[in-house]
């Protein structure tokens, strides 16, 4: 019998009940992007998306196919600014984040 919950389940449960946690995930992903740590940024964004809106919902919101988003934010993905910025902008709007990048 497992003593701990799966990491994704833990993130999802926390994201569902804690808006500040969701905002912290987004802020950390942005900070990682600005610090040239794309692998970590993509991983955090994947966790956020899976814990909240899901890739299908995000695809509808930003007008990009879900498979493209999954590929873009995958470990081997290499998103261009014109692809990832609308994703971040939508997430920031969804979380009511205003002001600068963090």
PDB file of N, CA and C in Angstrom:
ATOM      1  N   UNK A   1       0.840  -1.182   0.000  1.00  0.00           N
ATOM      2  CA  UNK A   1       0.000   0.000   0.000  1.00  0.00           C
ATOM      3  C   UNK A   1       0.886   1.247   0.000  1.00  0.00           C
ATOM      4  N   UNK A   2       0.572   2.181  -0.893  1.00  0.00           N
ATOM      5  CA  UNK A   2       1.355   3.408  -1.011  1.00  0.00           C
ATOM      6  C   UNK A   2       1.083   4.330   0.166  1.00  0.00           C
ATOM      7  N   UNK A   3       2.145   4.953   0.650  1.00  0.00           N
ATOM      8  CA  UNK A   3       2.004   5.864   1.772  1.00  0.00           C
ATOM      9  C   UNK A   3       1.773   7.303   1.336  1.00  0.00           C
ATOM     10  N   UNK A   4       2.110   7.622   0.083  1.00  0.00           N
ATOM     11  CA  UNK A   4       1.939   8.982  -0.411  1.00  0.00           C
ATOM     12  C   UNK A   4       1.077   8.991  -1.660  1.00  0.00           C
ATOM     13  N   UNK A   5       0.468  10.134  -1.921  1.00  0.00           N
ATOM     14  CA  UNK A   5      -0.334  10.296  -3.127  1.00  0.00           C
ATOM     15  C   UNK A   5       0.580  10.567  -4.309  1.00  0.00           C
ATOM     16  N   UNK A   6       0.111  10.245  -5.476  1.00  0.00           N
ATOM     17  CA  UNK A   6       0.835  10.557  -6.696  1.00  0.00           C
ATOM     18  C   UNK A   6       1.048  12.069  -6.776  1.00  0.00           C
ATOM     19  N   UNK A   7       2.192  12.483  -7.272  1.00  0.00           N
ATOM     20  CA  UNK A   7       2.531  13.910  -7.341  1.00  0.00           C
ATOM     21  C   UNK A   7       1.480  14.708  -8.105  1.00  0.00           C
ATOM     22  N   UNK A   8       1.052  14.198  -9.252  1.00  0.00           N
ATOM     23  CA  UNK A   8       0.056  14.921 -10.056  1.00  0.00           C
ATOM     24  C   UNK A   8      -1.256  15.071  -9.293  1.00  0.00           C
ATOM     25  N   UNK A   9      -1.648  14.051  -8.559  1.00  0.00           N
ATOM     26  CA  UNK A   9      -2.869  14.141  -7.753  1.00  0.00           C
ATOM     27  C   UNK A   9      -2.726  15.185  -6.656  1.00  0.00           C
ATOM     28  N   UNK A  10      -1.537  15.242  -6.074  1.00  0.00           N
ATOM     29  CA  UNK A  10      -1.277  16.216  -5.012  1.00  0.00           C
ATOM     30  C   UNK A  10      -1.333  17.638  -5.562  1.00  0.00           C
ATOM     31  N   UNK A  11      -0.692  17.864  -6.707  1.00  0.00           N
ATOM     32  CA  UNK A  11      -0.712  19.195  -7.332  1.00  0.00           C
ATOM     33  C   UNK A  11      -2.141  19.574  -7.699  1.00  0.00           C
ATOM     34  N   UNK A  12      -2.888  18.638  -8.277  1.00  0.00           N
ATOM     35  CA  UNK A  12      -4.262  18.916  -8.674  1.00  0.00           C
ATOM     36  C   UNK A  12      -5.127  19.275  -7.470  1.00  0.00           C
ATOM     37  N   UNK A  13      -5.003  18.522  -6.409  1.00  0.00           N
ATOM     38  CA  UNK A  13      -5.796  18.793  -5.205  1.00  0.00           C
ATOM     39  C   UNK A  13      -5.463  20.162  -4.626  1.00  0.00           C
ATOM     40  N   UNK A  14      -4.186  20.489  -4.587  1.00  0.00           N
ATOM     41  CA  UNK A  14      -3.782  21.789  -4.043  1.00  0.00           C
ATOM     42  C   UNK A  14      -4.246  22.921  -4.958  1.00  0.00           C
ATOM     43  N   UNK A  15      -4.117  22.733  -6.265  1.00  0.00           N
ATOM     44  CA  UNK A  15      -4.526  23.763  -7.225  1.00  0.00           C
ATOM     45  C   UNK A  15      -6.027  24.009  -7.153  1.00  0.00           C
ATOM     46  N   UNK A  16      -6.802  22.977  -6.909  1.00  0.00           N
ATOM     47  CA  UNK A  16      -8.254  23.130  -6.825  1.00  0.00           C
ATOM     48  C   UNK A  16      -8.673  23.974  -5.636  1.00  0.00           C
ATOM     49  N   UNK A  17      -7.938  23.898  -4.546  1.00  0.00           N
ATOM     50  CA  UNK A  17      -8.365  24.594  -3.325  1.00  0.00           C
ATOM     51  C   UNK A  17      -7.588  25.871  -3.012  1.00  0.00           C
ATOM     52  N   UNK A  18      -6.488  26.120  -3.728  1.00  0.00           N
ATOM     53  CA  UNK A  18      -5.610  27.222  -3.331  1.00  0.00           C
ATOM     54  C   UNK A  18      -5.230  28.110  -4.517  1.00  0.00           C
ATOM     55  N   UNK A  19      -5.942  29.232  -4.704  1.00  0.00           N
ATOM     56  CA  UNK A  19      -5.636  30.141  -5.818  1.00  0.00           C
ATOM     57  C   UNK A  19      -4.211  30.709  -5.747  1.00  0.00           C
ATOM     58  N   UNK A  20      -3.700  30.915  -4.558  1.00  0.00           N
ATOM     59  CA  UNK A  20      -2.336  31.452  -4.429  1.00  0.00           C
ATOM     60  C   UNK A  20      -1.304  30.434  -4.900  1.00  0.00           C
ATOM     61  N   UNK A  21      -1.570  29.161  -4.698  1.00  0.00           N
ATOM     62  CA  UNK A  21      -0.687  28.108  -5.200  1.00  0.00           C
ATOM     63  C   UNK A  21      -0.654  28.128  -6.722  1.00  0.00           C
ATOM     64  N   UNK A  22      -1.828  28.280  -7.347  1.00  0.00           N
ATOM     65  CA  UNK A  22      -1.889  28.351  -8.811  1.00  0.00           C
ATOM     66  C   UNK A  22      -1.094  29.544  -9.314  1.00  0.00           C
ATOM     67  N   UNK A  23      -1.264  30.688  -8.678  1.00  0.00           N
ATOM     68  CA  UNK A  23      -0.521  31.884  -9.085  1.00  0.00           C
ATOM     69  C   UNK A  23       0.983  31.684  -8.904  1.00  0.00           C
ATOM     70  N   UNK A  24       1.368  31.000  -7.843  1.00  0.00           N
ATOM     71  CA  UNK A  24       2.793  30.745  -7.597  1.00  0.00           C
ATOM     72  C   UNK A  24       3.371  29.834  -8.681  1.00  0.00           C
ATOM     73  N   UNK A  25       2.598  28.858  -9.134  1.00  0.00           N
ATOM     74  CA  UNK A  25       3.060  28.012 -10.228  1.00  0.00           C
ATOM     75  C   UNK A  25       3.315  28.833 -11.483  1.00  0.00           C
ATOM     76  N   UNK A  26       2.373  29.699 -11.810  1.00  0.00           N
ATOM     77  CA  UNK A  26       2.508  30.539 -13.007  1.00  0.00           C
ATOM     78  C   UNK A  26       3.707  31.475 -12.861  1.00  0.00           C
ATOM     79  N   UNK A  27       3.837  32.102 -11.710  1.00  0.00           N
ATOM     80  CA  UNK A  27       4.957  33.018 -11.479  1.00  0.00           C
ATOM     81  C   UNK A  27       6.290  32.282 -11.577  1.00  0.00           C
ATOM     82  N   UNK A  28       6.356  31.077 -11.035  1.00  0.00           N
ATOM     83  CA  UNK A  28       7.604  30.304 -11.096  1.00  0.00           C
ATOM     84  C   UNK A  28       7.928  29.907 -12.534  1.00  0.00           C
ATOM     85  N   UNK A  29       6.922  29.528 -13.300  1.00  0.00           N
ATOM     86  CA  UNK A  29       7.143  29.182 -14.713  1.00  0.00           C
ATOM     87  C   UNK A  29       7.677  30.396 -15.467  1.00  0.00           C
ATOM     88  N   UNK A  30       7.105  31.562 -15.221  1.00  0.00           N
ATOM     89  CA  UNK A  30       7.572  32.787 -15.876  1.00  0.00           C
ATOM     90  C   UNK A  30       9.013  33.091 -15.486  1.00  0.00           C
ATOM     91  N   UNK A  31       9.311  32.949 -14.209  1.00  0.00           N
ATOM     92  CA  UNK A  31      10.669  33.214 -13.724  1.00  0.00           C
ATOM     93  C   UNK A  31      11.670  32.255 -14.380  1.00  0.00           C
ATOM     94  N   UNK A  32      11.291  31.003 -14.505  1.00  0.00           N
ATOM     95  CA  UNK A  32      12.163  30.023 -15.161  1.00  0.00           C
ATOM     96  C   UNK A  32      12.399  30.389 -16.623  1.00  0.00           C
ATOM     97  N   UNK A  33      11.352  30.828 -17.314  1.00  0.00           N
ATOM     98  CA  UNK A  33      11.512  31.255 -18.710  1.00  0.00           C
ATOM     99  C   UNK A  33      12.493  32.410 -18.806  1.00  0.00           C
ATOM    100  N   UNK A  34      12.333  33.383 -17.925  1.00  0.00           N
ATOM    101  CA  UNK A  34      13.209  34.553 -17.950  1.00  0.00           C
ATOM    102  C   UNK A  34      14.656  34.205 -17.606  1.00  0.00           C
ATOM    103  N   UNK A  35      14.838  33.121 -16.853  1.00  0.00           N
ATOM    104  CA  UNK A  35      16.182  32.684 -16.464  1.00  0.00           C
ATOM    105  C   UNK A  35      16.728  31.582 -17.368  1.00  0.00           C
ATOM    106  N   UNK A  36      16.092  31.405 -18.528  1.00  0.00           N
ATOM    107  CA  UNK A  36      16.566  30.459 -19.540  1.00  0.00           C
ATOM    108  C   UNK A  36      16.501  29.004 -19.085  1.00  0.00           C
ATOM    109  N   UNK A  37      15.581  28.693 -18.173  1.00  0.00           N
ATOM    110  CA  UNK A  37      15.376  27.316 -17.704  1.00  0.00           C
ATOM    111  C   UNK A  37      14.061  26.812 -18.312  1.00  0.00           C
ATOM    112  N   UNK A  38      14.122  26.547 -19.613  1.00  0.00           N
ATOM    113  CA  UNK A  38      12.910  26.184 -20.348  1.00  0.00           C
ATOM    114  C   UNK A  38      12.341  24.835 -19.935  1.00  0.00           C
ATOM    115  N   UNK A  39      13.195  23.888 -19.597  1.00  0.00           N
ATOM    116  CA  UNK A  39      12.714  22.561 -19.206  1.00  0.00           C
ATOM    117  C   UNK A  39      11.839  22.650 -17.955  1.00  0.00           C
ATOM    118  N   UNK A  40      12.301  23.399 -16.966  1.00  0.00           N
ATOM    119  CA  UNK A  40      11.523  23.539 -15.731  1.00  0.00           C
ATOM    120  C   UNK A  40      10.247  24.330 -15.986  1.00  0.00           C
ATOM    121  N   UNK A  41      10.345  25.390 -16.763  1.00  0.00           N
ATOM    122  CA  UNK A  41       9.163  26.199 -17.078  1.00  0.00           C
ATOM    123  C   UNK A  41       8.088  25.356 -17.754  1.00  0.00           C
ATOM    124  N   UNK A  42       8.486  24.552 -18.725  1.00  0.00           N
ATOM    125  CA  UNK A  42       7.518  23.709 -19.435  1.00  0.00           C
ATOM    126  C   UNK A  42       6.902  22.677 -18.497  1.00  0.00           C
ATOM    127  N   UNK A  43       7.707  22.104 -17.609  1.00  0.00           N
ATOM    128  CA  UNK A  43       7.195  21.118 -16.658  1.00  0.00           C
ATOM    129  C   UNK A  43       6.173  21.750 -15.717  1.00  0.00           C
ATOM    130  N   UNK A  44       6.465  22.938 -15.235  1.00  0.00           N
ATOM    131  CA  UNK A  44       5.540  23.634 -14.333  1.00  0.00           C
ATOM    132  C   UNK A  44       4.253  23.983 -15.069  1.00  0.00           C
ATOM    133  N   UNK A  45       4.372  24.483 -16.284  1.00  0.00           N
ATOM    134  CA  UNK A  45       3.176  24.808 -17.068  1.00  0.00           C
ATOM    135  C   UNK A  45       2.335  23.557 -17.336  1.00  0.00           C
ATOM    136  N   UNK A  46       2.976  22.435 -17.640  1.00  0.00           N
ATOM    137  CA  UNK A  46       2.238  21.177 -17.835  1.00  0.00           C
ATOM    138  C   UNK A  46       1.484  20.794 -16.563  1.00  0.00           C
ATOM    139  N   UNK A  47       2.166  20.894 -15.419  1.00  0.00           N
ATOM    140  CA  UNK A  47       1.509  20.567 -14.150  1.00  0.00           C
ATOM    141  C   UNK A  47       0.309  21.479 -13.910  1.00  0.00           C
ATOM    142  N   UNK A  48       0.499  22.786 -14.157  1.00  0.00           N
ATOM    143  CA  UNK A  48      -0.596  23.746 -13.967  1.00  0.00           C
ATOM    144  C   UNK A  48      -1.773  23.393 -14.876  1.00  0.00           C
ATOM    145  N   UNK A  49      -1.498  23.178 -16.152  1.00  0.00           N
ATOM    146  CA  UNK A  49      -2.559  22.903 -17.130  1.00  0.00           C
ATOM    147  C   UNK A  49      -3.297  21.620 -16.774  1.00  0.00           C
ATOM    148  N   UNK A  50      -2.551  20.570 -16.453  1.00  0.00           N
ATOM    149  CA  UNK A  50      -3.184  19.303 -16.088  1.00  0.00           C
ATOM    150  C   UNK A  50      -4.003  19.413 -14.811  1.00  0.00           C
ATOM    151  N   UNK A  51      -3.587  20.276 -13.905  1.00  0.00           N
ATOM    152  CA  UNK A  51      -4.288  20.429 -12.630  1.00  0.00           C
ATOM    153  C   UNK A  51      -5.487  21.371 -12.728  1.00  0.00           C
ATOM    154  N   UNK A  52      -5.574  22.137 -13.806  1.00  0.00           N
ATOM    155  CA  UNK A  52      -6.648  23.137 -13.884  1.00  0.00           C
ATOM    156  C   UNK A  52      -7.505  22.939 -15.131  1.00  0.00           C
ATOM    157  N   UNK A  53      -7.213  23.657 -16.175  1.00  0.00           N
ATOM    158  CA  UNK A  53      -8.080  23.726 -17.354  1.00  0.00           C
ATOM    159  C   UNK A  53      -7.968  22.501 -18.267  1.00  0.00           C
ATOM    160  N   UNK A  54      -6.826  21.835 -18.270  1.00  0.00           N
ATOM    161  CA  UNK A  54      -6.588  20.713 -19.178  1.00  0.00           C
ATOM    162  C   UNK A  54      -6.179  21.221 -20.555  1.00  0.00           C
ATOM    163  N   UNK A  55      -5.545  20.363 -21.323  1.00  0.00           N
ATOM    164  CA  UNK A  55      -5.041  20.774 -22.630  1.00  0.00           C
ATOM    165  C   UNK A  55      -6.164  21.036 -23.634  1.00  0.00           C
ATOM    166  N   UNK A  56      -7.258  20.309 -23.535  1.00  0.00           N
ATOM    167  CA  UNK A  56      -8.394  20.555 -24.450  1.00  0.00           C
ATOM    168  C   UNK A  56      -8.996  21.935 -24.198  1.00  0.00           C
ATOM    169  N   UNK A  57      -9.199  22.273 -22.939  1.00  0.00           N
ATOM    170  CA  UNK A  57      -9.744  23.588 -22.602  1.00  0.00           C
ATOM    171  C   UNK A  57      -8.810  24.713 -22.999  1.00  0.00           C
ATOM    172  N   UNK A  58      -7.525  24.512 -22.763  1.00  0.00           N
ATOM    173  CA  UNK A  58      -6.535  25.517 -23.153  1.00  0.00           C
ATOM    174  C   UNK A  58      -6.508  25.685 -24.662  1.00  0.00           C
ATOM    175  N   UNK A  59      -6.597  24.576 -25.380  1.00  0.00           N
ATOM    176  CA  UNK A  59      -6.587  24.625 -26.848  1.00  0.00           C
ATOM    177  C   UNK A  59      -7.729  25.490 -27.363  1.00  0.00           C
ATOM    178  N   UNK A  60      -8.905  25.317 -26.805  1.00  0.00           N
ATOM    179  CA  UNK A  60     -10.059  26.127 -27.220  1.00  0.00           C
ATOM    180  C   UNK A  60      -9.842  27.593 -26.884  1.00  0.00           C
ATOM    181  N   UNK A  61      -9.245  27.847 -25.733  1.00  0.00           N
ATOM    182  CA  UNK A  61      -9.056  29.230 -25.285  1.00  0.00           C
ATOM    183  C   UNK A  61      -8.036  29.991 -26.112  1.00  0.00           C
ATOM    184  N   UNK A  62      -6.966  29.323 -26.538  1.00  0.00           N
ATOM    185  CA  UNK A  62      -5.893  30.035 -27.257  1.00  0.00           C
ATOM    186  C   UNK A  62      -5.886  29.762 -28.754  1.00  0.00           C
ATOM    187  N   UNK A  63      -6.754  28.877 -29.212  1.00  0.00           N
ATOM    188  CA  UNK A  63      -6.844  28.624 -30.650  1.00  0.00           C
ATOM    189  C   UNK A  63      -5.689  27.828 -31.227  1.00  0.00           C
ATOM    190  N   UNK A  64      -5.122  26.966 -30.420  1.00  0.00           N
ATOM    191  CA  UNK A  64      -4.042  26.086 -30.853  1.00  0.00           C
ATOM    192  C   UNK A  64      -4.467  24.657 -30.574  1.00  0.00           C
ATOM    193  N   UNK A  65      -4.269  23.740 -31.506  1.00  0.00           N
ATOM    194  CA  UNK A  65      -4.671  22.350 -31.255  1.00  0.00           C
ATOM    195  C   UNK A  65      -4.014  21.778 -29.994  1.00  0.00           C
ATOM    196  N   UNK A  66      -4.773  20.983 -29.260  1.00  0.00           N
ATOM    197  CA  UNK A  66      -4.254  20.429 -28.005  1.00  0.00           C
ATOM    198  C   UNK A  66      -2.995  19.592 -28.234  1.00  0.00           C
ATOM    199  N   UNK A  67      -2.936  18.848 -29.320  1.00  0.00           N
ATOM    200  CA  UNK A  67      -1.748  18.038 -29.598  1.00  0.00           C
ATOM    201  C   UNK A  67      -0.517  18.921 -29.793  1.00  0.00           C
ATOM    202  N   UNK A  68      -0.706  20.077 -30.401  1.00  0.00           N
ATOM    203  CA  UNK A  68       0.413  21.009 -30.577  1.00  0.00           C
ATOM    204  C   UNK A  68       0.875  21.550 -29.226  1.00  0.00           C
ATOM    205  N   UNK A  69      -0.087  21.866 -28.356  1.00  0.00           N
ATOM    206  CA  UNK A  69       0.259  22.367 -27.024  1.00  0.00           C
ATOM    207  C   UNK A  69       0.999  21.299 -26.222  1.00  0.00           C
ATOM    208  N   UNK A  70       0.512  20.071 -26.288  1.00  0.00           N
ATOM    209  CA  UNK A  70       1.155  18.974 -25.559  1.00  0.00           C
ATOM    210  C   UNK A  70       2.582  18.782 -26.051  1.00  0.00           C
ATOM    211  N   UNK A  71       2.754  18.800 -27.360  1.00  0.00           N
ATOM    212  CA  UNK A  71       4.083  18.642 -27.957  1.00  0.00           C
ATOM    213  C   UNK A  71       4.983  19.824 -27.579  1.00  0.00           C
ATOM    214  N   UNK A  72       4.446  21.028 -27.680  1.00  0.00           N
ATOM    215  CA  UNK A  72       5.202  22.243 -27.392  1.00  0.00           C
ATOM    216  C   UNK A  72       5.717  22.256 -25.953  1.00  0.00           C
ATOM    217  N   UNK A  73       4.890  21.806 -25.022  1.00  0.00           N
ATOM    218  CA  UNK A  73       5.270  21.841 -23.613  1.00  0.00           C
ATOM    219  C   UNK A  73       5.860  20.527 -23.124  1.00  0.00           C
ATOM    220  N   UNK A  74       6.049  19.598 -24.026  1.00  0.00           N
ATOM    221  CA  UNK A  74       6.667  18.325 -23.679  1.00  0.00           C
ATOM    222  C   UNK A  74       8.163  18.481 -23.458  1.00  0.00           C
ATOM    223  N   UNK A  75       8.800  17.451 -22.927  1.00  0.00           N
ATOM    224  CA  UNK A  75      10.233  17.526 -22.625  1.00  0.00           C
ATOM    225  C   UNK A  75      11.105  17.873 -23.828  1.00  0.00           C
ATOM    226  N   UNK A  76      10.710  17.457 -25.015  1.00  0.00           N
ATOM    227  CA  UNK A  76      11.499  17.759 -26.211  1.00  0.00           C
ATOM    228  C   UNK A  76      10.949  18.950 -26.989  1.00  0.00           C
ATOM    229  N   UNK A  77       9.892  19.567 -26.499  1.00  0.00           N
ATOM    230  CA  UNK A  77       9.295  20.706 -27.180  1.00  0.00           C
ATOM    231  C   UNK A  77      10.208  21.922 -27.154  1.00  0.00           C
ATOM    232  N   UNK A  78      10.098  22.730 -28.195  1.00  0.00           N
ATOM    233  CA  UNK A  78      10.899  23.944 -28.302  1.00  0.00           C
ATOM    234  C   UNK A  78       9.988  25.081 -28.775  1.00  0.00           C
ATOM    235  N   UNK A  79       9.125  25.570 -27.868  1.00  0.00           N
ATOM    236  CA  UNK A  79       8.144  26.566 -28.285  1.00  0.00           C
ATOM    237  C   UNK A  79       8.764  27.904 -28.648  1.00  0.00           C
ATOM    238  N   UNK A  80       8.195  28.518 -29.667  1.00  0.00           N
ATOM    239  CA  UNK A  80       8.580  29.876 -30.032  1.00  0.00           C
ATOM    240  C   UNK A  80       7.777  30.842 -29.175  1.00  0.00           C
ATOM    241  N   UNK A  81       8.271  32.055 -29.062  1.00  0.00           N
ATOM    242  CA  UNK A  81       7.580  33.064 -28.258  1.00  0.00           C
ATOM    243  C   UNK A  81       6.152  33.271 -28.738  1.00  0.00           C
ATOM    244  N   UNK A  82       5.935  33.268 -30.056  1.00  0.00           N
ATOM    245  CA  UNK A  82       4.585  33.507 -30.581  1.00  0.00           C
ATOM    246  C   UNK A  82       3.630  32.375 -30.218  1.00  0.00           C
ATOM    247  N   UNK A  83       4.156  31.231 -29.816  1.00  0.00           N
ATOM    248  CA  UNK A  83       3.315  30.110 -29.415  1.00  0.00           C
ATOM    249  C   UNK A  83       3.072  30.069 -27.915  1.00  0.00           C
ATOM    250  N   UNK A  84       4.100  30.356 -27.132  1.00  0.00           N
ATOM    251  CA  UNK A  84       3.977  30.205 -25.685  1.00  0.00           C
ATOM    252  C   UNK A  84       3.404  31.451 -25.008  1.00  0.00           C
ATOM    253  N   UNK A  85       3.640  32.630 -25.577  1.00  0.00           N
ATOM    254  CA  UNK A  85       3.141  33.853 -24.938  1.00  0.00           C
ATOM    255  C   UNK A  85       1.614  33.901 -24.848  1.00  0.00           C
ATOM    256  N   UNK A  86       0.866  33.482 -25.869  1.00  0.00           N
ATOM    257  CA  UNK A  86      -0.591  33.456 -25.705  1.00  0.00           C
ATOM    258  C   UNK A  86      -1.050  32.494 -24.603  1.00  0.00           C
ATOM    259  N   UNK A  87      -0.323  31.408 -24.425  1.00  0.00           N
ATOM    260  CA  UNK A  87      -0.643  30.455 -23.361  1.00  0.00           C
ATOM    261  C   UNK A  87      -0.457  31.123 -22.002  1.00  0.00           C
ATOM    262  N   UNK A  88       0.685  31.756 -21.824  1.00  0.00           N
ATOM    263  CA  UNK A  88       0.960  32.420 -20.547  1.00  0.00           C
ATOM    264  C   UNK A  88      -0.013  33.576 -20.322  1.00  0.00           C
ATOM    265  N   UNK A  89      -0.300  34.334 -21.359  1.00  0.00           N
ATOM    266  CA  UNK A  89      -1.238  35.455 -21.226  1.00  0.00           C
ATOM    267  C   UNK A  89      -2.617  34.952 -20.808  1.00  0.00           C
ATOM    268  N   UNK A  90      -3.084  33.868 -21.412  1.00  0.00           N
ATOM    269  CA  UNK A  90      -4.389  33.319 -21.040  1.00  0.00           C
ATOM    270  C   UNK A  90      -4.385  32.840 -19.592  1.00  0.00           C
ATOM    271  N   UNK A  91      -3.340  32.130 -19.206  1.00  0.00           N
ATOM    272  CA  UNK A  91      -3.263  31.616 -17.836  1.00  0.00           C
ATOM    273  C   UNK A  91      -3.229  32.768 -16.844  1.00  0.00           C
ATOM    274  N   UNK A  92      -2.449  33.800 -17.135  1.00  0.00           N
ATOM    275  CA  UNK A  92      -2.399  34.974 -16.238  1.00  0.00           C
ATOM    276  C   UNK A  92      -3.765  35.623 -16.117  1.00  0.00           C
ATOM    277  N   UNK A  93      -4.473  35.741 -17.237  1.00  0.00           N
ATOM    278  CA  UNK A  93      -5.821  36.318 -17.212  1.00  0.00           C
ATOM    279  C   UNK A  93      -6.749  35.432 -16.384  1.00  0.00           C
ATOM    280  N   UNK A  94      -6.660  34.138 -16.586  1.00  0.00           N
ATOM    281  CA  UNK A  94      -7.508  33.181 -15.870  1.00  0.00           C
ATOM    282  C   UNK A  94      -7.288  33.272 -14.363  1.00  0.00           C
ATOM    283  N   UNK A  95      -6.051  33.526 -13.958  1.00  0.00           N
ATOM    284  CA  UNK A  95      -5.707  33.608 -12.534  1.00  0.00           C
ATOM    285  C   UNK A  95      -5.795  35.037 -11.987  1.00  0.00           C
ATOM    286  N   UNK A  96      -6.256  35.966 -12.816  1.00  0.00           N
ATOM    287  CA  UNK A  96      -6.400  37.379 -12.406  1.00  0.00           C
ATOM    288  C   UNK A  96      -5.070  37.956 -11.932  1.00  0.00           C
ATOM    289  N   UNK A  97      -4.016  37.636 -12.676  1.00  0.00           N
ATOM    290  CA  UNK A  97      -2.695  38.168 -12.365  1.00  0.00           C
ATOM    291  C   UNK A  97      -2.487  39.426 -13.202  1.00  0.00           C
ATOM    292  N   UNK A  98      -2.092  40.498 -12.563  1.00  0.00           N
ATOM    293  CA  UNK A  98      -1.883  41.754 -13.264  1.00  0.00           C
ATOM    294  C   UNK A  98      -0.463  42.237 -13.002  1.00  0.00           C
ATOM    295  N   UNK A  99      -0.091  43.274 -13.710  1.00  0.00           N
ATOM    296  CA  UNK A  99       1.222  43.866 -13.488  1.00  0.00           C
ATOM    297  C   UNK A  99       2.304  43.180 -14.271  1.00  0.00           C
ATOM    298  N   UNK A 100       3.510  43.193 -13.714  1.00  0.00           N
ATOM    299  CA  UNK A 100       4.697  42.665 -14.377  1.00  0.00           C
ATOM    300  C   UNK A 100       4.678  41.155 -14.527  1.00  0.00           C
ATOM    301  N   UNK A 101       5.821  40.601 -14.954  1.00  0.00           N
ATOM    302  CA  UNK A 101       5.886  39.185 -15.263  1.00  0.00           C
ATOM    303  C   UNK A 101       5.733  38.259 -14.066  1.00  0.00           C
ATOM    304  N   UNK A 102       5.911  38.750 -12.860  1.00  0.00           N
ATOM    305  CA  UNK A 102       5.815  37.869 -11.701  1.00  0.00           C
ATOM    306  C   UNK A 102       4.743  38.344 -10.755  1.00  0.00           C
TER     307      UNK A 102
END
